[in-house]
């Protein structure tokens, strides 16, 4: 699981801050399983910053759609 790897790496490397993006599961999957940023933020004692990466992903998708028209 990516969140477990991230938390383990943060702990073993003794980092001060963990930065994760907010893109991930949504809807039923998120409700049942949780999402990676949520699990990382609750799984470590380190400071966690969750950055908004959704807008960037949407911009890239729009560029691809324009390119393939």
Protein backbone atom coordinates (compact mmCIF):
# COMPACT_ATOMS: atom_id res chain seq x y z
CA UNK A 1 0.00 0.00 0.00
CA UNK A 2 1.46 3.40 -0.94
CA UNK A 3 0.46 5.04 2.32
CA UNK A 4 2.27 2.40 4.37
CA UNK A 5 5.43 2.82 2.30
CA UNK A 6 5.25 6.60 2.64
CA UNK A 7 4.79 6.47 6.40
CA UNK A 8 7.57 3.88 6.82
CA UNK A 9 9.95 5.95 4.70
CA UNK A 10 9.14 9.14 6.62
CA UNK A 11 9.79 7.40 9.92
CA UNK A 12 13.01 5.65 8.84
CA UNK A 13 14.45 8.78 7.19
CA UNK A 14 13.38 10.97 10.13
CA UNK A 15 11.82 13.61 7.86
CA UNK A 16 10.20 16.74 9.26
CA UNK A 17 7.37 17.12 6.72
CA UNK A 18 5.55 14.69 4.43
CA UNK A 19 3.93 16.24 1.33
CA UNK A 20 1.21 14.32 -0.53
CA UNK A 21 -1.17 15.22 -3.35
CA UNK A 22 -4.93 15.04 -3.02
CA UNK A 23 -5.64 13.03 -6.18
CA UNK A 24 -6.82 9.53 -5.46
CA UNK A 25 -9.89 7.47 -4.86
CA UNK A 26 -13.26 9.07 -4.38
CA UNK A 27 -16.83 8.03 -3.78
CA UNK A 28 -17.53 4.54 -2.47
CA UNK A 29 -13.92 3.37 -2.65
CA UNK A 30 -12.77 6.29 -0.53
CA UNK A 31 -15.57 5.71 1.96
CA UNK A 32 -14.79 2.01 2.31
CA UNK A 33 -11.01 2.03 2.06
CA UNK A 34 -9.96 5.60 2.80
CA UNK A 35 -7.65 7.57 0.57
CA UNK A 36 -3.87 7.79 0.57
CA UNK A 37 -3.55 11.38 1.90
CA UNK A 38 -5.97 10.60 4.72
CA UNK A 39 -4.16 7.42 5.70
CA UNK A 40 -0.76 9.10 5.54
CA UNK A 41 -1.91 12.02 7.69
CA UNK A 42 -3.37 9.68 10.31
CA UNK A 43 -0.57 7.12 10.12
CA UNK A 44 2.40 9.26 11.09
CA UNK A 45 3.40 11.64 13.83
CA UNK A 46 5.15 13.83 11.25
CA UNK A 47 3.68 17.03 9.87
CA UNK A 48 1.71 16.23 6.72
CA UNK A 49 0.91 18.80 4.02
CA UNK A 50 -1.76 17.82 1.51
CA UNK A 51 -1.44 19.87 -1.69
CA UNK A 52 -4.18 20.41 -4.25
CA UNK A 53 -2.99 18.56 -7.33
CA UNK A 54 -6.45 18.01 -8.83
CA UNK A 55 -6.45 21.27 -10.80
CA UNK A 56 -3.12 20.40 -12.46
CA UNK A 57 -4.39 16.95 -13.45
CA UNK A 58 -7.51 18.48 -15.01
CA UNK A 59 -5.42 21.04 -16.93
CA UNK A 60 -3.22 18.28 -18.38
CA UNK A 61 -6.29 16.27 -19.41
CA UNK A 62 -7.73 19.30 -21.22
CA UNK A 63 -4.46 19.82 -23.10
CA UNK A 64 -4.46 16.18 -24.21
CA UNK A 65 -8.07 16.41 -25.39
CA UNK A 66 -7.24 19.53 -27.47
CA UNK A 67 -4.16 17.81 -28.93
CA UNK A 68 -6.08 14.73 -30.10
CA UNK A 69 -8.93 16.65 -31.76
